[in-house]
Amino acid sequence: LLICTDGAAKKLKQFNLTPDVIIGDFDSLPNAAIEFPKSQIEKINDQDTTDFEKALQFCMKFPNKKVVCLGALGGFADHAIHNLT
């Protein structure tokens, strides 16, 4: 199961990969349903959590599965610091 945040979905598209689930507030991917019609869209408007946190919370629905996080630092210093805590 390939789960990613809305910003990461844009990166995956460059490699012709389609996520199964895209999670986030979709500020960086407003047309997700059009760009990724085969993906499950999980829009969460909560501005008190990062999209990475939203993705981790979604992963908690599958407690017996291993989770591998790639690109968790987000490319921004504030995201990296927050995600590392």
N, C-alpha and C. Protein backbone atom coordinates (compact mmCIF):
# COMPACT_ATOMS: atom_id res chain seq x y z
N LEU A 1 0.86 -1.17 0.00
CA LEU A 1 0.00 0.00 0.00
C LEU A 1 0.89 1.22 0.00
N LEU A 2 0.79 2.04 -1.01
CA LEU A 2 1.59 3.25 -1.13
C LEU A 2 0.76 4.45 -0.69
N ILE A 3 1.14 4.99 0.45
CA ILE A 3 0.44 6.13 1.05
C ILE A 3 1.37 7.32 0.99
N CYS A 4 0.88 8.46 0.56
CA CYS A 4 1.75 9.63 0.54
C CYS A 4 0.96 10.89 0.83
N THR A 5 1.70 11.94 1.13
CA THR A 5 1.09 13.25 1.35
C THR A 5 0.85 13.91 0.00
N ASP A 6 0.10 14.99 0.01
CA ASP A 6 -0.23 15.64 -1.25
C ASP A 6 1.02 16.17 -1.96
N GLY A 7 1.95 16.74 -1.22
CA GLY A 7 3.18 17.21 -1.84
C GLY A 7 4.02 16.09 -2.42
N ALA A 8 4.06 14.96 -1.73
CA ALA A 8 4.83 13.81 -2.21
C ALA A 8 4.21 13.21 -3.46
N ALA A 9 2.90 13.31 -3.61
CA ALA A 9 2.24 12.77 -4.79
C ALA A 9 2.76 13.45 -6.05
N LYS A 10 3.03 14.74 -5.95
CA LYS A 10 3.58 15.47 -7.10
C LYS A 10 4.94 14.91 -7.49
N LYS A 11 5.75 14.56 -6.50
CA LYS A 11 7.07 13.97 -6.77
C LYS A 11 6.92 12.58 -7.39
N LEU A 12 6.01 11.78 -6.87
CA LEU A 12 5.81 10.43 -7.39
C LEU A 12 5.38 10.45 -8.85
N LYS A 13 4.60 11.45 -9.21
CA LYS A 13 4.12 11.56 -10.59
C LYS A 13 5.29 11.69 -11.57
N GLN A 14 6.37 12.31 -11.13
CA GLN A 14 7.56 12.45 -11.97
C GLN A 14 8.16 11.10 -12.33
N PHE A 15 7.91 10.09 -11.49
CA PHE A 15 8.44 8.75 -11.70
C PHE A 15 7.36 7.78 -12.20
N ASN A 16 6.24 8.34 -12.65
CA ASN A 16 5.11 7.55 -13.15
C ASN A 16 4.58 6.56 -12.12
N LEU A 17 4.60 6.97 -10.85
CA LEU A 17 4.05 6.16 -9.77
C LEU A 17 2.73 6.76 -9.32
N THR A 18 1.77 5.89 -9.05
CA THR A 18 0.47 6.34 -8.57
C THR A 18 0.25 5.83 -7.16
N PRO A 19 0.09 6.74 -6.19
CA PRO A 19 -0.16 6.30 -4.82
C PRO A 19 -1.55 5.69 -4.68
N ASP A 20 -1.67 4.75 -3.76
CA ASP A 20 -2.98 4.18 -3.46
C ASP A 20 -3.83 5.18 -2.68
N VAL A 21 -3.16 5.90 -1.76
CA VAL A 21 -3.84 6.86 -0.90
C VAL A 21 -3.01 8.14 -0.87
N ILE A 22 -3.69 9.27 -1.00
CA ILE A 22 -3.04 10.58 -0.86
C ILE A 22 -3.72 11.29 0.29
N ILE A 23 -2.90 11.77 1.23
CA ILE A 23 -3.42 12.39 2.45
C ILE A 23 -2.87 13.80 2.59
N GLY A 24 -3.69 14.69 3.09
CA GLY A 24 -3.22 16.04 3.40
C GLY A 24 -4.33 17.06 3.33
N ASP A 25 -3.93 18.33 3.40
CA ASP A 25 -4.90 19.41 3.28
C ASP A 25 -5.03 19.87 1.83
N PHE A 26 -4.17 19.35 0.97
CA PHE A 26 -4.19 19.57 -0.47
C PHE A 26 -3.97 21.01 -0.88
N ASP A 27 -3.21 21.73 -0.05
CA ASP A 27 -2.82 23.08 -0.42
C ASP A 27 -1.80 23.06 -1.56
N SER A 28 -1.02 21.99 -1.65
CA SER A 28 -0.03 21.89 -2.71
C SER A 28 -0.48 21.02 -3.88
N LEU A 29 -1.66 20.45 -3.78
CA LEU A 29 -2.19 19.61 -4.86
C LEU A 29 -3.72 19.75 -4.91
N PRO A 30 -4.22 20.94 -5.28
CA PRO A 30 -5.66 21.19 -5.21
C PRO A 30 -6.49 20.34 -6.18
N ASN A 31 -5.91 19.85 -7.26
CA ASN A 31 -6.64 19.05 -8.23
C ASN A 31 -6.29 17.57 -8.14
N ALA A 32 -6.08 17.08 -6.93
CA ALA A 32 -5.63 15.70 -6.72
C ALA A 32 -6.57 14.68 -7.35
N ALA A 33 -7.85 14.86 -7.20
CA ALA A 33 -8.81 13.89 -7.73
C ALA A 33 -8.74 13.81 -9.26
N ILE A 34 -8.39 14.91 -9.90
CA ILE A 34 -8.27 14.93 -11.36
C ILE A 34 -6.93 14.35 -11.79
N GLU A 35 -5.86 14.75 -11.07
CA GLU A 35 -4.52 14.28 -11.43
C GLU A 35 -4.28 12.82 -11.07
N PHE A 36 -4.98 12.33 -10.03
CA PHE A 36 -4.81 10.95 -9.56
C PHE A 36 -6.18 10.29 -9.39
N PRO A 37 -6.88 10.02 -10.50
CA PRO A 37 -8.24 9.48 -10.39
C PRO A 37 -8.32 8.09 -9.77
N LYS A 38 -7.22 7.33 -9.78
CA LYS A 38 -7.23 5.98 -9.22
C LYS A 38 -6.85 5.95 -7.73
N SER A 39 -6.45 7.10 -7.19
CA SER A 39 -6.01 7.16 -5.79
C SER A 39 -7.17 7.51 -4.86
N GLN A 40 -7.11 6.94 -3.67
CA GLN A 40 -8.06 7.32 -2.62
C GLN A 40 -7.59 8.65 -2.04
N ILE A 41 -8.47 9.63 -1.99
CA ILE A 41 -8.13 10.96 -1.50
C ILE A 41 -8.66 11.12 -0.08
N GLU A 42 -7.75 11.42 0.85
CA GLU A 42 -8.11 11.63 2.26
C GLU A 42 -7.80 13.07 2.62
N LYS A 43 -8.77 13.96 2.44
CA LYS A 43 -8.55 15.38 2.74
C LYS A 43 -8.84 15.63 4.21
N ILE A 44 -7.83 16.21 4.88
CA ILE A 44 -7.95 16.54 6.30
C ILE A 44 -7.56 18.01 6.43
N ASN A 45 -8.52 18.85 6.77
CA ASN A 45 -8.29 20.29 6.80
C ASN A 45 -7.57 20.80 8.04
N ASP A 46 -7.27 19.95 8.98
CA ASP A 46 -6.63 20.33 10.23
C ASP A 46 -5.30 21.03 9.97
N GLN A 47 -5.19 22.28 10.37
CA GLN A 47 -3.95 23.04 10.17
C GLN A 47 -3.01 22.95 11.37
N ASP A 48 -3.40 22.19 12.39
CA ASP A 48 -2.55 22.03 13.58
C ASP A 48 -1.63 20.82 13.48
N THR A 49 -1.75 20.06 12.39
CA THR A 49 -0.86 18.92 12.18
C THR A 49 -0.26 19.02 10.78
N THR A 50 0.92 18.46 10.63
CA THR A 50 1.53 18.43 9.30
C THR A 50 0.91 17.30 8.49
N ASP A 51 1.12 17.34 7.19
CA ASP A 51 0.61 16.26 6.35
C ASP A 51 1.27 14.94 6.70
N PHE A 52 2.53 15.00 7.13
CA PHE A 52 3.22 13.78 7.55
C PHE A 52 2.52 13.17 8.76
N GLU A 53 2.13 14.01 9.73
CA GLU A 53 1.39 13.49 10.89
C GLU A 53 0.06 12.87 10.45
N LYS A 54 -0.60 13.52 9.51
CA LYS A 54 -1.87 12.98 9.01
C LYS A 54 -1.65 11.60 8.39
N ALA A 55 -0.56 11.45 7.66
CA ALA A 55 -0.25 10.17 7.03
C ALA A 55 0.05 9.11 8.09
N LEU A 56 0.82 9.47 9.12
CA LEU A 56 1.11 8.51 10.19
C LEU A 56 -0.15 8.10 10.93
N GLN A 57 -1.04 9.05 11.16
CA GLN A 57 -2.31 8.72 11.83
C GLN A 57 -3.13 7.76 10.97
N PHE A 58 -3.10 7.95 9.67
CA PHE A 58 -3.80 7.03 8.76
C PHE A 58 -3.19 5.64 8.84
N CYS A 59 -1.86 5.57 8.92
CA CYS A 59 -1.16 4.28 9.00
C CYS A 59 -1.51 3.52 10.27
N MET A 60 -1.93 4.23 11.30
CA MET A 60 -2.29 3.57 12.56
C MET A 60 -3.53 2.68 12.40
N LYS A 61 -4.24 2.82 11.29
CA LYS A 61 -5.38 1.95 11.00
C LYS A 61 -4.92 0.53 10.69
N PHE A 62 -3.61 0.37 10.44
CA PHE A 62 -3.04 -0.92 10.08
C PHE A 62 -1.93 -1.28 11.08
N PRO A 63 -2.30 -1.60 12.32
CA PRO A 63 -1.30 -1.76 13.39
C PRO A 63 -0.32 -2.91 13.19
N ASN A 64 -0.64 -3.87 12.38
CA ASN A 64 0.25 -5.02 12.20
C ASN A 64 1.12 -4.90 10.96
N LYS A 65 1.14 -3.74 10.34
CA LYS A 65 1.93 -3.54 9.13
C LYS A 65 3.17 -2.71 9.45
N LYS A 66 4.23 -2.99 8.74
CA LYS A 66 5.44 -2.18 8.85
C LYS A 66 5.26 -0.93 8.01
N VAL A 67 5.81 0.18 8.50
CA VAL A 67 5.72 1.44 7.79
C VAL A 67 7.14 1.91 7.46
N VAL A 68 7.36 2.23 6.22
CA VAL A 68 8.64 2.77 5.78
C VAL A 68 8.36 4.21 5.35
N CYS A 69 9.06 5.16 5.95
CA CYS A 69 8.85 6.58 5.64
C CYS A 69 9.99 7.07 4.77
N LEU A 70 9.65 7.62 3.64
CA LEU A 70 10.63 8.21 2.73
C LEU A 70 10.30 9.70 2.56
N GLY A 71 11.31 10.51 2.55
CA GLY A 71 11.10 11.94 2.34
C GLY A 71 10.39 12.63 3.48
N ALA A 72 10.52 12.11 4.68
CA ALA A 72 9.78 12.64 5.83
C ALA A 72 10.24 14.02 6.26
N LEU A 73 11.36 14.47 5.76
CA LEU A 73 11.85 15.79 6.16
C LEU A 73 11.19 16.91 5.36
N GLY A 74 10.49 16.56 4.32
CA GLY A 74 9.63 17.51 3.64
C GLY A 74 10.29 18.59 2.82
N GLY A 75 11.59 18.73 2.88
CA GLY A 75 12.25 19.75 2.08
C GLY A 75 12.24 21.14 2.68
N PHE A 76 11.64 21.31 3.84
CA PHE A 76 11.60 22.59 4.52
C PHE A 76 12.11 22.40 5.94
N ALA A 77 12.91 23.33 6.42
CA ALA A 77 13.51 23.21 7.75
C ALA A 77 12.46 23.06 8.84
N ASP A 78 11.38 23.84 8.79
CA ASP A 78 10.37 23.76 9.83
C ASP A 78 9.66 22.41 9.80
N HIS A 79 9.44 21.85 8.61
CA HIS A 79 8.82 20.52 8.51
C HIS A 79 9.77 19.45 9.05
N ALA A 80 11.03 19.57 8.71
CA ALA A 80 12.02 18.59 9.16
C ALA A 80 12.09 18.57 10.68
N ILE A 81 12.19 19.73 11.28
CA ILE A 81 12.29 19.82 12.75
C ILE A 81 11.03 19.24 13.38
N HIS A 82 9.89 19.60 12.88
CA HIS A 82 8.64 19.11 13.46
C HIS A 82 8.50 17.60 13.29
N ASN A 83 8.82 17.09 12.11
CA ASN A 83 8.68 15.66 11.87
C ASN A 83 9.67 14.84 12.68
N LEU A 84 10.84 15.37 12.94
CA LEU A 84 11.82 14.66 13.76
C LEU A 84 11.41 14.60 15.22
N THR A 85 10.60 15.54 15.67
CA THR A 85 10.14 15.50 17.07
C THR A 85 8.97 14.55 17.19
